[in-house]
Amino acid sequence: MRMPIAILAIAGCFTLTNASFAQVVVETLPAENLSKSSQQPPDEVFVPRDLDFRVRSQPPSSPKSDRYLVYVNSPNSTQLEQVKQLEPGAFLRQYQGKSVIQAGVFSQQLNATNIAKQLQSQGIATHIINLSTGQEVALQRAISKFYFVVIPAGAEDLPIIERQVKQLPNKVPAIISQRQEPRGSHLRVGPFTERDKAESYNRYLISTGLTKARVYYGR
């Protein structure tokens, strides 16, 4: 059965109207309502943090401190024993291709100078080297005076007195040596940089029976 022309025309108009309406709806929908298959995932946005750009700080470097070597330019074992009386830790070592006696290494120049002067007072030529620079520290030679404890005795008795002093329980960090000058033969203990220490040790020797002990000031 054939439909009237008027009905067909109305139906066609209605179809076109629906198609136009659908197009308008598609164009006006928000972007998020569009098909997921037609969208690409957005690129990830990199947000830097402070930590990512923070440079690790280095610990502050400590200033380089000087160290002072005190040595005696001699490999003589007898002289090593003399140095050990003042510095028990002294030992033979190689320094700059030669054998020397290391009296000590000190962080303070004053301490190194005091030890060197005490060694010089015993007639031992001593050197001080700044290990940081390799330069020798100028040292005035044997001009300082110190305190000593002396025990006058005949030359034949000096070895006996020396052994007696060395065996005393109250050790003293000083050099013990037999001397003929000044003022005749005697046993000398020292040097002491302070008079009080010399007098204290002198009283100690007297209390042990060495009644001739006395304090002497000089080189």
Protein backbone atom coordinates (compact mmCIF):
# COMPACT_ATOMS: atom_id res chain seq x y z
CA MET A 1 0.00 0.00 0.00
CA ARG A 2 1.35 3.36 -1.00
CA MET A 3 1.43 6.08 1.61
CA PRO A 4 0.21 9.48 0.77
CA ILE A 5 2.81 11.92 -0.40
CA ALA A 6 2.00 14.30 2.45
CA ILE A 7 2.77 11.66 5.06
CA LEU A 8 6.15 10.85 3.44
CA ALA A 9 7.08 14.48 3.40
CA ILE A 10 6.28 14.88 7.08
CA ALA A 11 8.28 11.76 7.98
CA GLY A 12 11.30 13.00 6.05
CA CYS A 13 11.14 16.34 7.72
CA PHE A 14 11.00 14.63 11.09
CA THR A 15 14.07 12.47 10.27
CA LEU A 16 16.14 15.46 9.22
CA THR A 17 15.10 17.30 12.31
CA ASN A 18 16.27 14.42 14.57
CA ALA A 19 19.65 14.21 12.80
CA SER A 20 20.23 17.92 13.18
CA PHE A 21 19.28 17.78 16.82
CA ALA A 22 21.68 14.89 17.46
CA GLN A 23 24.53 16.84 15.85
CA VAL A 24 23.81 19.85 18.04
CA VAL A 25 23.80 17.67 21.18
CA VAL A 26 27.18 16.12 20.28
CA GLU A 27 28.77 19.50 19.66
CA THR A 28 27.54 20.97 22.94
CA LEU A 29 28.48 18.08 25.28
CA PRO A 30 31.38 18.76 27.74
CA ALA A 31 34.73 17.28 26.82
CA GLU A 32 34.68 14.76 29.67
CA ASN A 33 31.46 13.25 28.31
CA LEU A 34 33.05 12.36 25.00
CA SER A 35 34.07 8.83 24.29
CA LYS A 36 37.20 7.77 26.18
CA SER A 37 38.50 6.04 23.11
CA SER A 38 38.76 9.37 21.30
CA GLN A 39 40.95 11.02 24.02
CA GLN A 40 44.70 10.63 24.79
CA PRO A 41 45.76 10.55 28.46
CA PRO A 42 47.29 13.91 29.47
CA ASP A 43 51.04 14.08 29.90
CA GLU A 44 52.20 13.86 33.53
CA VAL A 45 53.24 17.23 34.84
CA PHE A 46 56.61 17.20 36.74
CA VAL A 47 56.57 19.43 39.78
CA PRO A 48 60.13 19.80 41.18
CA ARG A 49 60.65 19.68 44.91
CA ASP A 50 63.23 21.60 46.84
CA LEU A 51 64.96 18.34 47.74
CA ASP A 52 65.57 17.51 44.08
CA PHE A 53 67.73 20.60 43.66
CA ARG A 54 69.35 20.74 47.08
CA VAL A 55 73.13 20.40 47.00
CA ARG A 56 74.51 18.38 49.87
CA SER A 57 76.69 20.64 51.95
CA GLN A 58 80.25 19.51 52.68
CA PRO A 59 81.45 19.46 56.30
CA PRO A 60 83.70 22.40 57.05
CA SER A 61 87.32 21.46 56.68
CA SER A 62 89.41 21.84 59.79
CA PRO A 63 92.41 24.10 59.48
CA LYS A 64 95.68 22.28 59.01
CA SER A 65 97.65 22.38 62.23
CA ASP A 66 101.44 22.52 62.36
CA ARG A 67 103.48 19.74 63.91
CA TYR A 68 107.05 20.08 65.11
CA LEU A 69 109.66 17.34 65.00
CA VAL A 70 112.47 17.51 67.54
CA TYR A 71 115.45 15.36 66.60
CA VAL A 72 119.12 14.84 67.33
CA ASN A 73 121.34 14.34 64.32
CA SER A 74 123.10 11.28 65.68
CA PRO A 75 122.57 7.48 65.49
CA ASN A 76 124.73 7.00 68.60
CA SER A 77 123.11 4.51 71.01
CA THR A 78 124.77 6.14 74.02
CA GLN A 79 123.27 9.48 73.14
CA LEU A 80 119.91 7.79 72.55
CA GLU A 81 119.97 6.66 76.18
CA GLN A 82 120.68 10.22 77.27
CA VAL A 83 117.75 11.56 75.27
CA LYS A 84 115.49 8.81 76.64
CA GLN A 85 116.13 10.06 80.17
CA LEU A 86 114.33 13.25 79.19
CA GLU A 87 111.95 11.78 76.61
CA PRO A 88 111.39 8.03 77.26
CA GLY A 89 109.65 7.67 73.89
CA ALA A 90 112.73 8.72 71.90
CA PHE A 91 113.86 6.29 69.21
CA LEU A 92 116.11 5.94 66.16
CA ARG A 93 114.52 6.65 62.78
CA GLN A 94 115.35 7.66 59.24
CA TYR A 95 114.76 11.27 58.31
CA GLN A 96 115.73 12.72 54.94
CA GLY A 97 117.94 9.75 54.23
CA LYS A 98 119.91 9.81 57.48
CA SER A 99 119.65 8.15 60.85
CA VAL A 100 118.53 10.47 63.65
CA ILE A 101 117.12 10.29 67.17
CA GLN A 102 113.51 11.47 67.30
CA ALA A 103 112.93 13.11 70.66
CA GLY A 104 109.27 13.80 69.91
CA VAL A 105 106.63 15.38 67.68
CA PHE A 106 104.63 18.24 69.18
CA SER A 107 101.59 20.24 68.10
CA GLN A 108 102.83 23.35 69.95
CA GLN A 109 106.08 25.04 68.96
CA LEU A 110 106.66 26.15 72.55
CA ASN A 111 106.69 22.54 73.78
CA ALA A 112 109.11 21.54 71.04
CA THR A 113 111.37 24.48 71.87
CA ASN A 114 111.43 23.65 75.59
CA ILE A 115 112.48 20.05 74.93
CA ALA A 116 115.12 21.14 72.43
CA LYS A 117 116.59 23.65 74.88
CA GLN A 118 116.72 21.07 77.65
CA LEU A 119 118.61 18.71 75.36
CA GLN A 120 120.96 21.49 74.34
CA SER A 121 121.68 22.25 77.97
CA GLN A 122 123.17 18.74 78.11
CA GLY A 123 125.45 19.54 75.20
CA ILE A 124 123.26 17.67 72.71
CA ALA A 125 122.84 19.49 69.39
CA THR A 126 119.12 19.48 68.64
CA HIS A 127 116.97 20.48 65.66
CA ILE A 128 113.30 21.44 65.27
CA ILE A 129 111.50 20.94 61.95
CA ASN A 130 108.03 22.25 61.09
CA LEU A 131 106.61 19.15 59.39
CA SER A 132 103.91 21.19 57.64
CA THR A 133 106.43 23.38 55.81
CA GLY A 134 109.59 21.31 56.00
CA GLN A 135 111.44 24.34 57.36
CA GLU A 136 113.77 24.26 60.35
CA VAL A 137 112.75 26.42 63.27
CA ALA A 138 115.48 28.79 64.37
CA LEU A 139 116.65 27.89 67.84
CA GLN A 140 119.02 29.96 69.93
CA ARG A 141 121.87 27.77 70.93
CA ALA A 142 122.57 27.13 74.61
CA ILE A 143 121.89 30.59 75.92
CA SER A 144 119.13 29.74 78.37
CA LYS A 145 119.86 28.75 81.92
CA PHE A 146 118.07 26.03 83.86
CA TYR A 147 117.96 24.57 87.34
CA PHE A 148 119.79 21.34 88.13
CA VAL A 149 120.15 19.11 91.14
CA VAL A 150 123.81 18.16 91.63
CA ILE A 151 125.47 15.65 93.92
CA PRO A 152 129.20 16.29 94.39
CA ALA A 153 131.31 13.13 94.63
CA GLY A 154 134.62 11.66 93.57
CA ALA A 155 134.85 10.45 89.98
CA GLU A 156 135.09 6.83 91.17
CA ASP A 157 131.82 7.15 93.12
CA LEU A 158 129.75 8.75 90.38
CA PRO A 159 128.70 5.47 88.64
CA ILE A 160 127.44 4.09 91.97
CA ILE A 161 125.46 7.25 92.74
CA GLU A 162 124.04 7.31 89.24
CA ARG A 163 122.72 3.73 89.57
CA GLN A 164 121.26 4.61 92.96
CA VAL A 165 119.38 7.63 91.56
CA LYS A 166 118.09 5.66 88.56
CA GLN A 167 116.71 2.95 90.85
CA LEU A 168 114.70 5.36 92.98
CA PRO A 169 110.92 4.81 92.72
CA ASN A 170 110.22 8.51 92.23
CA LYS A 171 111.36 8.87 88.61
CA VAL A 172 112.03 12.29 87.21
CA PRO A 173 111.75 13.23 83.50
CA ALA A 174 115.29 14.60 83.35
CA ILE A 175 118.73 13.57 82.18
CA ILE A 176 121.18 12.11 84.66
CA SER A 177 124.81 12.62 83.73
CA GLN A 178 128.27 12.52 85.25
CA ARG A 179 130.12 15.83 85.06
CA GLN A 180 133.56 17.15 85.84
CA GLU A 181 132.75 20.83 85.34
CA PRO A 182 131.97 23.25 86.77
CA ARG A 183 133.29 22.95 90.29
CA GLY A 184 134.65 19.43 90.14
CA SER A 185 133.14 16.01 89.61
CA HIS A 186 129.45 15.58 90.37
CA LEU A 187 126.29 13.85 89.28
CA ARG A 188 123.83 16.23 87.62
CA VAL A 189 120.08 15.72 87.34
CA GLY A 190 118.09 18.07 85.14
CA PRO A 191 117.38 20.43 83.61
CA PHE A 192 114.36 21.81 85.43
CA THR A 193 112.65 24.85 83.95
CA GLU A 194 111.15 25.84 87.33
CA ARG A 195 113.04 26.35 90.56
CA ASP A 196 110.25 24.83 92.68
CA LYS A 197 110.48 21.51 90.83
CA ALA A 198 114.25 21.41 91.20
CA GLU A 199 114.06 22.12 94.92
CA SER A 200 111.32 19.54 95.40
CA TYR A 201 113.43 16.86 93.76
CA ASN A 202 116.48 17.97 95.73
CA ARG A 203 114.59 17.44 99.01
CA TYR A 204 113.53 14.03 97.79
CA LEU A 205 117.16 13.00 97.09
CA ILE A 206 118.23 14.19 100.53
CA SER A 207 115.45 12.12 102.12
CA THR A 208 116.86 9.00 100.42
CA GLY A 209 120.28 9.52 102.00
CA LEU A 210 121.96 11.60 99.30
CA THR A 211 122.55 14.44 101.74
CA LYS A 212 125.05 16.28 99.55
CA ALA A 213 122.43 17.06 96.90
CA ARG A 214 121.80 20.71 96.16
CA VAL A 215 120.23 22.96 93.53
CA TYR A 216 122.40 24.59 90.93
CA TYR A 217 121.37 27.27 88.42
CA GLY A 218 123.27 27.54 85.16
CA ARG A 219 123.95 25.93 81.82
